């Protein structure tokens, strides 16, 4: 997976350009981890901010859209190609300003690329 690919939906993910995923459940390979709080693509780096609430970590996490392997519009569900533990171990998301910080986004992208390389 190239660096650019981590920030773009895979063609077979089911994503339709302009689709609003806010409120969709987010499911890792080992269970539900939260809901999409919002989606953004600053600097061409598409990502989801997932509110984990009480499900897993009690905080929000940032997930690059290249990790999405499926979108079920009827079930309002986004499926990820990683575990909840792997999402939890990603660089910690603290503030909304980080969603526009190229350095932070690069660190998150590098983390998920390493996961993809070992999968």
PDB file of N, CA and C in Angstrom:
ATOM      1  N   UNK A   1       0.856  -1.180   0.000  1.00  0.00           N
ATOM      2  CA  UNK A   1       0.000   0.000   0.000  1.00  0.00           C
ATOM      3  C   UNK A   1       0.895   1.234   0.000  1.00  0.00           C
ATOM      4  N   UNK A   2       0.722   2.107  -0.963  1.00  0.00           N
ATOM      5  CA  UNK A   2       1.525   3.326  -1.016  1.00  0.00           C
ATOM      6  C   UNK A   2       0.971   4.353  -0.038  1.00  0.00           C
ATOM      7  N   UNK A   3       1.780   5.349   0.280  1.00  0.00           N
ATOM      8  CA  UNK A   3       1.363   6.382   1.217  1.00  0.00           C
ATOM      9  C   UNK A   3       0.056   7.033   0.788  1.00  0.00           C
ATOM     10  N   UNK A   4      -0.085   7.353  -0.494  1.00  0.00           N
ATOM     11  CA  UNK A   4      -1.304   7.998  -0.978  1.00  0.00           C
ATOM     12  C   UNK A   4      -2.528   7.114  -0.764  1.00  0.00           C
ATOM     13  N   UNK A   5      -2.370   5.808  -0.913  1.00  0.00           N
ATOM     14  CA  UNK A   5      -3.495   4.875  -0.809  1.00  0.00           C
ATOM     15  C   UNK A   5      -4.098   4.840   0.590  1.00  0.00           C
ATOM     16  N   UNK A   6      -3.313   5.100   1.611  1.00  0.00           N
ATOM     17  CA  UNK A   6      -3.834   5.064   2.976  1.00  0.00           C
ATOM     18  C   UNK A   6      -4.849   6.184   3.202  1.00  0.00           C
ATOM     19  N   UNK A   7      -4.768   7.234   2.378  1.00  0.00           N
ATOM     20  CA  UNK A   7      -5.651   8.391   2.535  1.00  0.00           C
ATOM     21  C   UNK A   7      -6.815   8.401   1.548  1.00  0.00           C
ATOM     22  N   UNK A   8      -6.972   7.339   0.768  1.00  0.00           N
ATOM     23  CA  UNK A   8      -8.051   7.246  -0.219  1.00  0.00           C
ATOM     24  C   UNK A   8      -8.811   5.947  -0.012  1.00  0.00           C
ATOM     25  N   UNK A   9     -10.114   5.990  -0.250  1.00  0.00           N
ATOM     26  CA  UNK A   9     -10.916   4.771  -0.157  1.00  0.00           C
ATOM     27  C   UNK A   9     -10.506   3.802  -1.255  1.00  0.00           C
ATOM     28  N   UNK A  10     -10.419   2.525  -0.937  1.00  0.00           N
ATOM     29  CA  UNK A  10     -10.173   1.495  -1.947  1.00  0.00           C
ATOM     30  C   UNK A  10     -11.388   1.433  -2.874  1.00  0.00           C
ATOM     31  N   UNK A  11     -11.153   1.130  -4.141  1.00  0.00           N
ATOM     32  CA  UNK A  11     -12.240   1.078  -5.103  1.00  0.00           C
ATOM     33  C   UNK A  11     -13.330   0.102  -4.696  1.00  0.00           C
ATOM     34  N   UNK A  12     -12.963  -0.985  -4.051  1.00  0.00           N
ATOM     35  CA  UNK A  12     -13.951  -2.002  -3.678  1.00  0.00           C
ATOM     36  C   UNK A  12     -14.511  -1.821  -2.264  1.00  0.00           C
ATOM     37  N   UNK A  13     -14.291  -0.648  -1.654  1.00  0.00           N
ATOM     38  CA  UNK A  13     -14.776  -0.399  -0.290  1.00  0.00           C
ATOM     39  C   UNK A  13     -16.273  -0.130  -0.228  1.00  0.00           C
ATOM     40  N   UNK A  14     -16.851   0.249  -1.347  1.00  0.00           N
ATOM     41  CA  UNK A  14     -18.269   0.599  -1.348  1.00  0.00           C
ATOM     42  C   UNK A  14     -18.521   2.081  -1.150  1.00  0.00           C
ATOM     43  N   UNK A  15     -17.455   2.857  -1.018  1.00  0.00           N
ATOM     44  CA  UNK A  15     -17.618   4.302  -0.828  1.00  0.00           C
ATOM     45  C   UNK A  15     -18.038   4.958  -2.136  1.00  0.00           C
ATOM     46  N   UNK A  16     -19.008   5.869  -2.036  1.00  0.00           N
ATOM     47  CA  UNK A  16     -19.472   6.652  -3.173  1.00  0.00           C
ATOM     48  C   UNK A  16     -19.070   8.102  -2.917  1.00  0.00           C
ATOM     49  N   UNK A  17     -18.418   8.713  -3.899  1.00  0.00           N
ATOM     50  CA  UNK A  17     -17.934  10.102  -3.759  1.00  0.00           C
ATOM     51  C   UNK A  17     -19.032  11.000  -3.199  1.00  0.00           C
ATOM     52  N   UNK A  18     -18.685  11.745  -2.155  1.00  0.00           N
ATOM     53  CA  UNK A  18     -19.622  12.679  -1.539  1.00  0.00           C
ATOM     54  C   UNK A  18     -20.520  12.054  -0.481  1.00  0.00           C
ATOM     55  N   UNK A  19     -20.395  10.767  -0.268  1.00  0.00           N
ATOM     56  CA  UNK A  19     -21.221  10.055   0.703  1.00  0.00           C
ATOM     57  C   UNK A  19     -20.923  10.542   2.121  1.00  0.00           C
ATOM     58  N   UNK A  20     -21.962  10.808   2.895  1.00  0.00           N
ATOM     59  CA  UNK A  20     -21.815  11.256   4.274  1.00  0.00           C
ATOM     60  C   UNK A  20     -21.883  10.040   5.195  1.00  0.00           C
ATOM     61  N   UNK A  21     -20.799   9.749   5.877  1.00  0.00           N
ATOM     62  CA  UNK A  21     -20.724   8.580   6.758  1.00  0.00           C
ATOM     63  C   UNK A  21     -20.936   8.936   8.225  1.00  0.00           C
ATOM     64  N   UNK A  22     -21.188  10.199   8.508  1.00  0.00           N
ATOM     65  CA  UNK A  22     -21.366  10.616   9.894  1.00  0.00           C
ATOM     66  C   UNK A  22     -22.496   9.814  10.544  1.00  0.00           C
ATOM     67  N   UNK A  23     -22.207   9.291  11.735  1.00  0.00           N
ATOM     68  CA  UNK A  23     -23.186   8.507  12.475  1.00  0.00           C
ATOM     69  C   UNK A  23     -23.135   7.016  12.194  1.00  0.00           C
ATOM     70  N   UNK A  24     -22.401   6.591  11.155  1.00  0.00           N
ATOM     71  CA  UNK A  24     -22.270   5.163  10.848  1.00  0.00           C
ATOM     72  C   UNK A  24     -21.485   4.479  11.972  1.00  0.00           C
ATOM     73  N   UNK A  25     -21.853   3.252  12.316  1.00  0.00           N
ATOM     74  CA  UNK A  25     -21.077   2.439  13.252  1.00  0.00           C
ATOM     75  C   UNK A  25     -19.748   2.090  12.598  1.00  0.00           C
ATOM     76  N   UNK A  26     -18.698   1.991  13.402  1.00  0.00           N
ATOM     77  CA  UNK A  26     -17.380   1.601  12.903  1.00  0.00           C
ATOM     78  C   UNK A  26     -17.021   0.268  13.545  1.00  0.00           C
ATOM     79  N   UNK A  27     -16.755  -0.719  12.682  1.00  0.00           N
ATOM     80  CA  UNK A  27     -16.501  -2.073  13.142  1.00  0.00           C
ATOM     81  C   UNK A  27     -15.087  -2.492  12.738  1.00  0.00           C
ATOM     82  N   UNK A  28     -14.279  -2.828  13.739  1.00  0.00           N
ATOM     83  CA  UNK A  28     -12.942  -3.382  13.493  1.00  0.00           C
ATOM     84  C   UNK A  28     -13.117  -4.887  13.289  1.00  0.00           C
ATOM     85  N   UNK A  29     -12.037  -5.579  12.965  1.00  0.00           N
ATOM     86  CA  UNK A  29     -12.136  -7.019  12.712  1.00  0.00           C
ATOM     87  C   UNK A  29     -12.576  -7.808  13.943  1.00  0.00           C
ATOM     88  N   UNK A  30     -12.468  -7.194  15.134  1.00  0.00           N
ATOM     89  CA  UNK A  30     -12.857  -7.884  16.364  1.00  0.00           C
ATOM     90  C   UNK A  30     -14.036  -7.238  17.081  1.00  0.00           C
ATOM     91  N   UNK A  31     -14.783  -6.376  16.396  1.00  0.00           N
ATOM     92  CA  UNK A  31     -15.992  -5.816  16.995  1.00  0.00           C
ATOM     93  C   UNK A  31     -16.141  -4.320  16.788  1.00  0.00           C
ATOM     94  N   UNK A  32     -17.269  -3.805  17.222  1.00  0.00           N
ATOM     95  CA  UNK A  32     -17.609  -2.388  17.079  1.00  0.00           C
ATOM     96  C   UNK A  32     -16.727  -1.542  17.987  1.00  0.00           C
ATOM     97  N   UNK A  33     -16.204  -0.444  17.418  1.00  0.00           N
ATOM     98  CA  UNK A  33     -15.351   0.441  18.224  1.00  0.00           C
ATOM     99  C   UNK A  33     -15.943   1.835  18.393  1.00  0.00           C
ATOM    100  N   UNK A  34     -17.003   2.168  17.668  1.00  0.00           N
ATOM    101  CA  UNK A  34     -17.600   3.488  17.823  1.00  0.00           C
ATOM    102  C   UNK A  34     -18.438   3.901  16.636  1.00  0.00           C
ATOM    103  N   UNK A  35     -18.569   5.211  16.476  1.00  0.00           N
ATOM    104  CA  UNK A  35     -19.339   5.808  15.382  1.00  0.00           C
ATOM    105  C   UNK A  35     -18.517   6.911  14.719  1.00  0.00           C
ATOM    106  N   UNK A  36     -18.763   7.112  13.424  1.00  0.00           N
ATOM    107  CA  UNK A  36     -18.092   8.189  12.707  1.00  0.00           C
ATOM    108  C   UNK A  36     -18.638   9.516  13.230  1.00  0.00           C
ATOM    109  N   UNK A  37     -17.752  10.317  13.813  1.00  0.00           N
ATOM    110  CA  UNK A  37     -18.125  11.646  14.280  1.00  0.00           C
ATOM    111  C   UNK A  37     -18.099  12.646  13.141  1.00  0.00           C
ATOM    112  N   UNK A  38     -17.091  12.477  12.283  1.00  0.00           N
ATOM    113  CA  UNK A  38     -16.997  13.309  11.072  1.00  0.00           C
ATOM    114  C   UNK A  38     -15.946  12.738  10.146  1.00  0.00           C
ATOM    115  N   UNK A  39     -15.948  13.264   8.937  1.00  0.00           N
ATOM    116  CA  UNK A  39     -14.960  12.857   7.948  1.00  0.00           C
ATOM    117  C   UNK A  39     -14.377  14.108   7.325  1.00  0.00           C
ATOM    118  N   UNK A  40     -13.116  14.024   6.920  1.00  0.00           N
ATOM    119  CA  UNK A  40     -12.436  15.176   6.347  1.00  0.00           C
ATOM    120  C   UNK A  40     -11.320  14.703   5.424  1.00  0.00           C
ATOM    121  N   UNK A  41     -10.797  15.641   4.628  1.00  0.00           N
ATOM    122  CA  UNK A  41      -9.690  15.303   3.721  1.00  0.00           C
ATOM    123  C   UNK A  41      -8.763  16.494   3.503  1.00  0.00           C
ATOM    124  N   UNK A  42      -8.232  17.116   4.592  1.00  0.00           N
ATOM    125  CA  UNK A  42      -7.284  18.209   4.397  1.00  0.00           C
ATOM    126  C   UNK A  42      -5.998  17.687   3.770  1.00  0.00           C
ATOM    127  N   UNK A  43      -5.408  18.484   2.917  1.00  0.00           N
ATOM    128  CA  UNK A  43      -4.157  18.121   2.243  1.00  0.00           C
ATOM    129  C   UNK A  43      -4.320  16.828   1.425  1.00  0.00           C
ATOM    130  N   UNK A  44      -5.564  16.473   1.061  1.00  0.00           N
ATOM    131  CA  UNK A  44      -5.813  15.236   0.328  1.00  0.00           C
ATOM    132  C   UNK A  44      -5.661  13.987   1.190  1.00  0.00           C
ATOM    133  N   UNK A  45      -5.679  14.162   2.514  1.00  0.00           N
ATOM    134  CA  UNK A  45      -5.507  13.057   3.457  1.00  0.00           C
ATOM    135  C   UNK A  45      -6.858  12.706   4.078  1.00  0.00           C
ATOM    136  N   UNK A  46      -7.639  11.876   3.357  1.00  0.00           N
ATOM    137  CA  UNK A  46      -8.972  11.512   3.811  1.00  0.00           C
ATOM    138  C   UNK A  46      -8.938  10.660   5.072  1.00  0.00           C
ATOM    139  N   UNK A  47      -9.773  11.023   6.037  1.00  0.00           N
ATOM    140  CA  UNK A  47      -9.811  10.276   7.284  1.00  0.00           C
ATOM    141  C   UNK A  47     -11.168  10.399   7.953  1.00  0.00           C
ATOM    142  N   UNK A  48     -11.409   9.514   8.890  1.00  0.00           N
ATOM    143  CA  UNK A  48     -12.607   9.537   9.719  1.00  0.00           C
ATOM    144  C   UNK A  48     -12.183   9.824  11.150  1.00  0.00           C
ATOM    145  N   UNK A  49     -12.942  10.655  11.832  1.00  0.00           N
ATOM    146  CA  UNK A  49     -12.761  10.827  13.267  1.00  0.00           C
ATOM    147  C   UNK A  49     -13.852   9.973  13.903  1.00  0.00           C
ATOM    148  N   UNK A  50     -13.419   8.962  14.641  1.00  0.00           N
ATOM    149  CA  UNK A  50     -14.332   7.985  15.221  1.00  0.00           C
ATOM    150  C   UNK A  50     -14.476   8.261  16.719  1.00  0.00           C
ATOM    151  N   UNK A  51     -15.728   8.474  17.135  1.00  0.00           N
ATOM    152  CA  UNK A  51     -16.023   8.674  18.551  1.00  0.00           C
ATOM    153  C   UNK A  51     -16.225   7.292  19.161  1.00  0.00           C
ATOM    154  N   UNK A  52     -15.291   6.857  19.998  1.00  0.00           N
ATOM    155  CA  UNK A  52     -15.379   5.523  20.576  1.00  0.00           C
ATOM    156  C   UNK A  52     -16.277   5.486  21.805  1.00  0.00           C
ATOM    157  N   UNK A  53     -16.588   6.661  22.363  1.00  0.00           N
ATOM    158  CA  UNK A  53     -17.489   6.701  23.516  1.00  0.00           C
ATOM    159  C   UNK A  53     -17.112   5.678  24.558  1.00  0.00           C
ATOM    160  N   UNK A  54     -18.106   4.960  25.044  1.00  0.00           N
ATOM    161  CA  UNK A  54     -17.859   3.953  26.080  1.00  0.00           C
ATOM    162  C   UNK A  54     -17.552   2.590  25.485  1.00  0.00           C
ATOM    163  N   UNK A  55     -17.626   2.460  24.145  1.00  0.00           N
ATOM    164  CA  UNK A  55     -17.406   1.161  23.508  1.00  0.00           C
ATOM    165  C   UNK A  55     -16.036   0.591  23.825  1.00  0.00           C
ATOM    166  N   UNK A  56     -15.015   1.380  23.561  1.00  0.00           N
ATOM    167  CA  UNK A  56     -13.671   0.822  23.667  1.00  0.00           C
ATOM    168  C   UNK A  56     -12.755   1.695  24.512  1.00  0.00           C
ATOM    169  N   UNK A  57     -12.446   2.877  24.028  1.00  0.00           N
ATOM    170  CA  UNK A  57     -11.379   3.675  24.634  1.00  0.00           C
ATOM    171  C   UNK A  57     -11.865   4.922  25.359  1.00  0.00           C
ATOM    172  N   UNK A  58     -13.101   5.332  25.147  1.00  0.00           N
ATOM    173  CA  UNK A  58     -13.615   6.534  25.771  1.00  0.00           C
ATOM    174  C   UNK A  58     -13.008   7.805  25.218  1.00  0.00           C
ATOM    175  N   UNK A  59     -12.566   7.767  23.972  1.00  0.00           N
ATOM    176  CA  UNK A  59     -11.982   8.949  23.329  1.00  0.00           C
ATOM    177  C   UNK A  59     -12.211   8.848  21.826  1.00  0.00           C
ATOM    178  N   UNK A  60     -11.856   9.897  21.119  1.00  0.00           N
ATOM    179  CA  UNK A  60     -11.943   9.870  19.663  1.00  0.00           C
ATOM    180  C   UNK A  60     -10.616   9.388  19.083  1.00  0.00           C
ATOM    181  N   UNK A  61     -10.697   8.754  17.920  1.00  0.00           N
ATOM    182  CA  UNK A  61      -9.508   8.297  17.208  1.00  0.00           C
ATOM    183  C   UNK A  61      -9.617   8.728  15.756  1.00  0.00           C
ATOM    184  N   UNK A  62      -8.484   8.889  15.115  1.00  0.00           N
ATOM    185  CA  UNK A  62      -8.441   9.267  13.704  1.00  0.00           C
ATOM    186  C   UNK A  62      -8.020   8.044  12.898  1.00  0.00           C
ATOM    187  N   UNK A  63      -8.806   7.709  11.875  1.00  0.00           N
ATOM    188  CA  UNK A  63      -8.543   6.527  11.057  1.00  0.00           C
ATOM    189  C   UNK A  63      -8.483   6.949   9.589  1.00  0.00           C
ATOM    190  N   UNK A  64      -7.366   6.708   8.899  1.00  0.00           N
ATOM    191  CA  UNK A  64      -7.289   7.006   7.464  1.00  0.00           C
ATOM    192  C   UNK A  64      -8.321   6.165   6.691  1.00  0.00           C
ATOM    193  N   UNK A  65      -8.925   6.749   5.667  1.00  0.00           N
ATOM    194  CA  UNK A  65      -9.978   6.037   4.929  1.00  0.00           C
ATOM    195  C   UNK A  65      -9.451   4.835   4.150  1.00  0.00           C
ATOM    196  N   UNK A  66      -8.150   4.746   3.932  1.00  0.00           N
ATOM    197  CA  UNK A  66      -7.581   3.589   3.251  1.00  0.00           C
ATOM    198  C   UNK A  66      -7.686   2.316   4.065  1.00  0.00           C
ATOM    199  N   UNK A  67      -8.013   2.430   5.349  1.00  0.00           N
ATOM    200  CA  UNK A  67      -8.181   1.281   6.233  1.00  0.00           C
ATOM    201  C   UNK A  67      -9.606   0.709   6.105  1.00  0.00           C
ATOM    202  N   UNK A  68     -10.502   1.485   5.483  1.00  0.00           N
ATOM    203  CA  UNK A  68     -11.891   1.043   5.308  1.00  0.00           C
ATOM    204  C   UNK A  68     -11.944  -0.044   4.239  1.00  0.00           C
ATOM    205  N   UNK A  69     -12.520  -1.194   4.604  1.00  0.00           N
ATOM    206  CA  UNK A  69     -12.649  -2.284   3.630  1.00  0.00           C
ATOM    207  C   UNK A  69     -14.092  -2.524   3.210  1.00  0.00           C
ATOM    208  N   UNK A  70     -15.038  -1.860   3.865  1.00  0.00           N
ATOM    209  CA  UNK A  70     -16.428  -2.043   3.469  1.00  0.00           C
ATOM    210  C   UNK A  70     -17.333  -0.978   4.059  1.00  0.00           C
ATOM    211  N   UNK A  71     -18.326  -0.592   3.268  1.00  0.00           N
ATOM    212  CA  UNK A  71     -19.338   0.352   3.726  1.00  0.00           C
ATOM    213  C   UNK A  71     -20.695  -0.252   3.415  1.00  0.00           C
ATOM    214  N   UNK A  72     -21.493  -0.430   4.452  1.00  0.00           N
ATOM    215  CA  UNK A  72     -22.838  -0.969   4.322  1.00  0.00           C
ATOM    216  C   UNK A  72     -23.803   0.194   4.565  1.00  0.00           C
ATOM    217  N   UNK A  73     -24.354   0.756   3.487  1.00  0.00           N
ATOM    218  CA  UNK A  73     -25.219   1.922   3.632  1.00  0.00           C
ATOM    219  C   UNK A  73     -26.548   1.563   4.298  1.00  0.00           C
ATOM    220  N   UNK A  74     -27.085   0.389   4.009  1.00  0.00           N
ATOM    221  CA  UNK A  74     -28.345  -0.019   4.646  1.00  0.00           C
ATOM    222  C   UNK A  74     -28.167  -0.222   6.141  1.00  0.00           C
ATOM    223  N   UNK A  75     -27.090  -0.885   6.531  1.00  0.00           N
ATOM    224  CA  UNK A  75     -26.805  -1.128   7.941  1.00  0.00           C
ATOM    225  C   UNK A  75     -26.101   0.022   8.624  1.00  0.00           C
ATOM    226  N   UNK A  76     -25.749   1.064   7.830  1.00  0.00           N
ATOM    227  CA  UNK A  76     -25.029   2.242   8.336  1.00  0.00           C
ATOM    228  C   UNK A  76     -23.794   1.804   9.132  1.00  0.00           C
ATOM    229  N   UNK A  77     -22.930   1.032   8.430  1.00  0.00           N
ATOM    230  CA  UNK A  77     -21.749   0.453   9.073  1.00  0.00           C
ATOM    231  C   UNK A  77     -20.519   0.606   8.180  1.00  0.00           C
ATOM    232  N   UNK A  78     -19.407   0.978   8.813  1.00  0.00           N
ATOM    233  CA  UNK A  78     -18.097   1.067   8.155  1.00  0.00           C
ATOM    234  C   UNK A  78     -17.224  -0.019   8.771  1.00  0.00           C
ATOM    235  N   UNK A  79     -16.612  -0.862   7.928  1.00  0.00           N
ATOM    236  CA  UNK A  79     -15.770  -1.946   8.422  1.00  0.00           C
ATOM    237  C   UNK A  79     -14.306  -1.632   8.129  1.00  0.00           C
ATOM    238  N   UNK A  80     -13.446  -1.843   9.127  1.00  0.00           N
ATOM    239  CA  UNK A  80     -12.019  -1.566   9.016  1.00  0.00           C
ATOM    240  C   UNK A  80     -11.209  -2.851   8.856  1.00  0.00           C
ATOM    241  N   UNK A  81     -10.027  -2.721   8.292  1.00  0.00           N
ATOM    242  CA  UNK A  81      -9.125  -3.855   8.060  1.00  0.00           C
ATOM    243  C   UNK A  81      -8.127  -4.012   9.195  1.00  0.00           C
ATOM    244  N   UNK A  82      -8.516  -3.692  10.410  1.00  0.00           N
ATOM    245  CA  UNK A  82      -7.610  -3.811  11.559  1.00  0.00           C
ATOM    246  C   UNK A  82      -8.434  -4.101  12.806  1.00  0.00           C
ATOM    247  N   UNK A  83      -7.767  -4.406  13.886  1.00  0.00           N
ATOM    248  CA  UNK A  83      -8.452  -4.702  15.148  1.00  0.00           C
ATOM    249  C   UNK A  83      -8.658  -3.425  15.961  1.00  0.00           C
ATOM    250  N   UNK A  84      -9.518  -3.529  16.941  1.00  0.00           N
ATOM    251  CA  UNK A  84      -9.718  -2.413  17.857  1.00  0.00           C
ATOM    252  C   UNK A  84      -8.448  -2.063  18.607  1.00  0.00           C
ATOM    253  N   UNK A  85      -7.674  -3.065  18.981  1.00  0.00           N
ATOM    254  CA  UNK A  85      -6.401  -2.826  19.679  1.00  0.00           C
ATOM    255  C   UNK A  85      -5.424  -2.067  18.804  1.00  0.00           C
ATOM    256  N   UNK A  86      -5.406  -2.393  17.511  1.00  0.00           N
ATOM    257  CA  UNK A  86      -4.517  -1.683  16.589  1.00  0.00           C
ATOM    258  C   UNK A  86      -4.945  -0.229  16.435  1.00  0.00           C
ATOM    259  N   UNK A  87      -6.240   0.024  16.403  1.00  0.00           N
ATOM    260  CA  UNK A  87      -6.728   1.407  16.335  1.00  0.00           C
ATOM    261  C   UNK A  87      -6.352   2.144  17.623  1.00  0.00           C
ATOM    262  N   UNK A  88      -6.525   1.479  18.748  1.00  0.00           N
ATOM    263  CA  UNK A  88      -6.198   2.095  20.040  1.00  0.00           C
ATOM    264  C   UNK A  88      -4.716   2.444  20.149  1.00  0.00           C
ATOM    265  N   UNK A  89      -3.846   1.634  19.517  1.00  0.00           N
ATOM    266  CA  UNK A  89      -2.398   1.852  19.593  1.00  0.00           C
ATOM    267  C   UNK A  89      -1.892   2.916  18.618  1.00  0.00           C
ATOM    268  N   UNK A  90      -2.750   3.437  17.767  1.00  0.00           N
ATOM    269  CA  UNK A  90      -2.354   4.471  16.796  1.00  0.00           C
ATOM    270  C   UNK A  90      -1.955   5.752  17.526  1.00  0.00           C
ATOM    271  N   UNK A  91      -1.222   6.648  16.860  1.00  0.00           N
ATOM    272  CA  UNK A  91      -0.878   7.926  17.498  1.00  0.00           C
ATOM    273  C   UNK A  91      -2.135   8.594  18.073  1.00  0.00           C
ATOM    274  N   UNK A  92      -2.025   8.991  19.302  1.00  0.00           N
ATOM    275  CA  UNK A  92      -3.177   9.523  20.051  1.00  0.00           C
ATOM    276  C   UNK A  92      -3.731  10.790  19.409  1.00  0.00           C
ATOM    277  N   UNK A  93      -5.046  10.831  19.302  1.00  0.00           N
ATOM    278  CA  UNK A  93      -5.762  11.984  18.755  1.00  0.00           C
ATOM    279  C   UNK A  93      -6.190  12.846  19.926  1.00  0.00           C
ATOM    280  N   UNK A  94      -5.813  14.128  19.889  1.00  0.00           N
ATOM    281  CA  UNK A  94      -6.132  15.000  21.010  1.00  0.00           C
ATOM    282  C   UNK A  94      -7.128  16.093  20.697  1.00  0.00           C
ATOM    283  N   UNK A  95      -6.871  16.836  19.620  1.00  0.00           N
ATOM    284  CA  UNK A  95      -7.717  17.986  19.323  1.00  0.00           C
ATOM    285  C   UNK A  95      -8.088  18.028  17.848  1.00  0.00           C
ATOM    286  N   UNK A  96      -9.162  18.745  17.563  1.00  0.00           N
ATOM    287  CA  UNK A  96      -9.607  18.875  16.176  1.00  0.00           C
ATOM    288  C   UNK A  96      -8.565  19.533  15.286  1.00  0.00           C
ATOM    289  N   UNK A  97      -7.703  20.369  15.858  1.00  0.00           N
ATOM    290  CA  UNK A  97      -6.687  21.030  15.030  1.00  0.00           C
ATOM    291  C   UNK A  97      -5.723  20.006  14.432  1.00  0.00           C
ATOM    292  N   UNK A  98      -5.585  18.847  15.079  1.00  0.00           N
ATOM    293  CA  UNK A  98      -4.699  17.809  14.554  1.00  0.00           C
ATOM    294  C   UNK A  98      -5.194  17.238  13.227  1.00  0.00           C
ATOM    295  N   UNK A  99      -6.498  17.348  12.972  1.00  0.00           N
ATOM    296  CA  UNK A  99      -7.025  16.818  11.709  1.00  0.00           C
ATOM    297  C   UNK A  99      -6.543  17.640  10.524  1.00  0.00           C
ATOM    298  N   UNK A 100      -5.938  18.782  10.786  1.00  0.00           N
ATOM    299  CA  UNK A 100      -5.379  19.623   9.723  1.00  0.00           C
ATOM    300  C   UNK A 100      -3.858  19.721   9.806  1.00  0.00           C
ATOM    301  N   UNK A 101      -3.269  19.071  10.787  1.00  0.00           N
ATOM    302  CA  UNK A 101      -1.827  19.113  11.011  1.00  0.00           C
ATOM    303  C   UNK A 101      -1.145  18.027  10.175  1.00  0.00           C
ATOM    304  N   UNK A 102      -0.438  18.459   9.150  1.00  0.00           N
ATOM    305  CA  UNK A 102       0.187  17.514   8.216  1.00  0.00           C
ATOM    306  C   UNK A 102       1.161  16.560   8.928  1.00  0.00           C
ATOM    307  N   UNK A 103       1.889  17.040   9.916  1.00  0.00           N
ATOM    308  CA  UNK A 103       2.854  16.204  10.634  1.00  0.00           C
ATOM    309  C   UNK A 103       2.137  15.087  11.413  1.00  0.00           C
ATOM    310  N   UNK A 104       1.069  15.450  12.117  1.00  0.00           N
ATOM    311  CA  UNK A 104       0.300  14.448  12.856  1.00  0.00           C
ATOM    312  C   UNK A 104      -0.319  13.434  11.894  1.00  0.00           C
ATOM    313  N   UNK A 105      -0.920  13.922  10.811  1.00  0.00           N
ATOM    314  CA  UNK A 105      -1.536  13.027   9.832  1.00  0.00           C
ATOM    315  C   UNK A 105      -0.499  12.085   9.219  1.00  0.00           C
ATOM    316  N   UNK A 106       0.688  12.593   8.965  1.00  0.00           N
ATOM    317  CA  UNK A 106       1.755  11.750   8.413  1.00  0.00           C
ATOM    318  C   UNK A 106       2.137  10.638   9.389  1.00  0.00           C
ATOM    319  N   UNK A 107       2.186  10.955  10.686  1.00  0.00           N
ATOM    320  CA  UNK A 107       2.508   9.939  11.696  1.00  0.00           C
ATOM    321  C   UNK A 107       1.420   8.868  11.744  1.00  0.00           C
ATOM    322  N   UNK A 108       0.159   9.283  11.671  1.00  0.00           N
ATOM    323  CA  UNK A 108      -0.954   8.326  11.664  1.00  0.00           C
ATOM    324  C   UNK A 108      -0.882   7.454  10.412  1.00  0.00           C
ATOM    325  N   UNK A 109      -0.645   8.077   9.259  1.00  0.00           N
ATOM    326  CA  UNK A 109      -0.541   7.327   8.006  1.00  0.00           C
ATOM    327  C   UNK A 109       0.578   6.308   8.046  1.00  0.00           C
ATOM    328  N   UNK A 110       1.727   6.704   8.579  1.00  0.00           N
ATOM    329  CA  UNK A 110       2.873   5.793   8.672  1.00  0.00           C
ATOM    330  C   UNK A 110       2.539   4.602   9.568  1.00  0.00           C
ATOM    331  N   UNK A 111       1.835   4.847  10.658  1.00  0.00           N
ATOM    332  CA  UNK A 111       1.439   3.765  11.563  1.00  0.00           C
ATOM    333  C   UNK A 111       0.561   2.743  10.837  1.00  0.00           C
ATOM    334  N   UNK A 112      -0.467   3.220  10.146  1.00  0.00           N
ATOM    335  CA  UNK A 112      -1.374   2.304   9.453  1.00  0.00           C
ATOM    336  C   UNK A 112      -0.710   1.627   8.252  1.00  0.00           C
ATOM    337  N   UNK A 113       0.226   2.293   7.620  1.00  0.00           N
ATOM    338  CA  UNK A 113       0.978   1.640   6.536  1.00  0.00           C
ATOM    339  C   UNK A 113       1.814   0.478   7.069  1.00  0.00           C
ATOM    340  N   UNK A 114       2.399   0.660   8.247  1.00  0.00           N
ATOM    341  CA  UNK A 114       3.165  -0.431   8.872  1.00  0.00           C
ATOM    342  C   UNK A 114       2.260  -1.619   9.173  1.00  0.00           C
ATOM    343  N   UNK A 115       1.042  -1.345   9.647  1.00  0.00           N
ATOM    344  CA  UNK A 115       0.081  -2.423   9.904  1.00  0.00           C
ATOM    345  C   UNK A 115      -0.230  -3.192   8.611  1.00  0.00           C
ATOM    346  N   UNK A 116      -0.465  -2.437   7.541  1.00  0.00           N
ATOM    347  CA  UNK A 116      -0.811  -3.057   6.254  1.00  0.00           C
ATOM    348  C   UNK A 116       0.351  -3.909   5.742  1.00  0.00           C
ATOM    349  N   UNK A 117       1.567  -3.465   5.991  1.00  0.00           N
ATOM    350  CA  UNK A 117       2.742  -4.186   5.502  1.00  0.00           C
ATOM    351  C   UNK A 117       2.940  -5.513   6.237  1.00  0.00           C
ATOM    352  N   UNK A 118       2.483  -5.587   7.476  1.00  0.00           N
ATOM    353  CA  UNK A 118       2.653  -6.820   8.239  1.00  0.00           C
ATOM    354  C   UNK A 118       1.442  -7.738   8.137  1.00  0.00           C
ATOM    355  N   UNK A 119       0.391  -7.269   7.509  1.00  0.00           N
ATOM    356  CA  UNK A 119      -0.844  -8.081   7.397  1.00  0.00           C
ATOM    357  C   UNK A 119      -0.709  -9.186   6.375  1.00  0.00           C
TER     358      UNK A 119
END
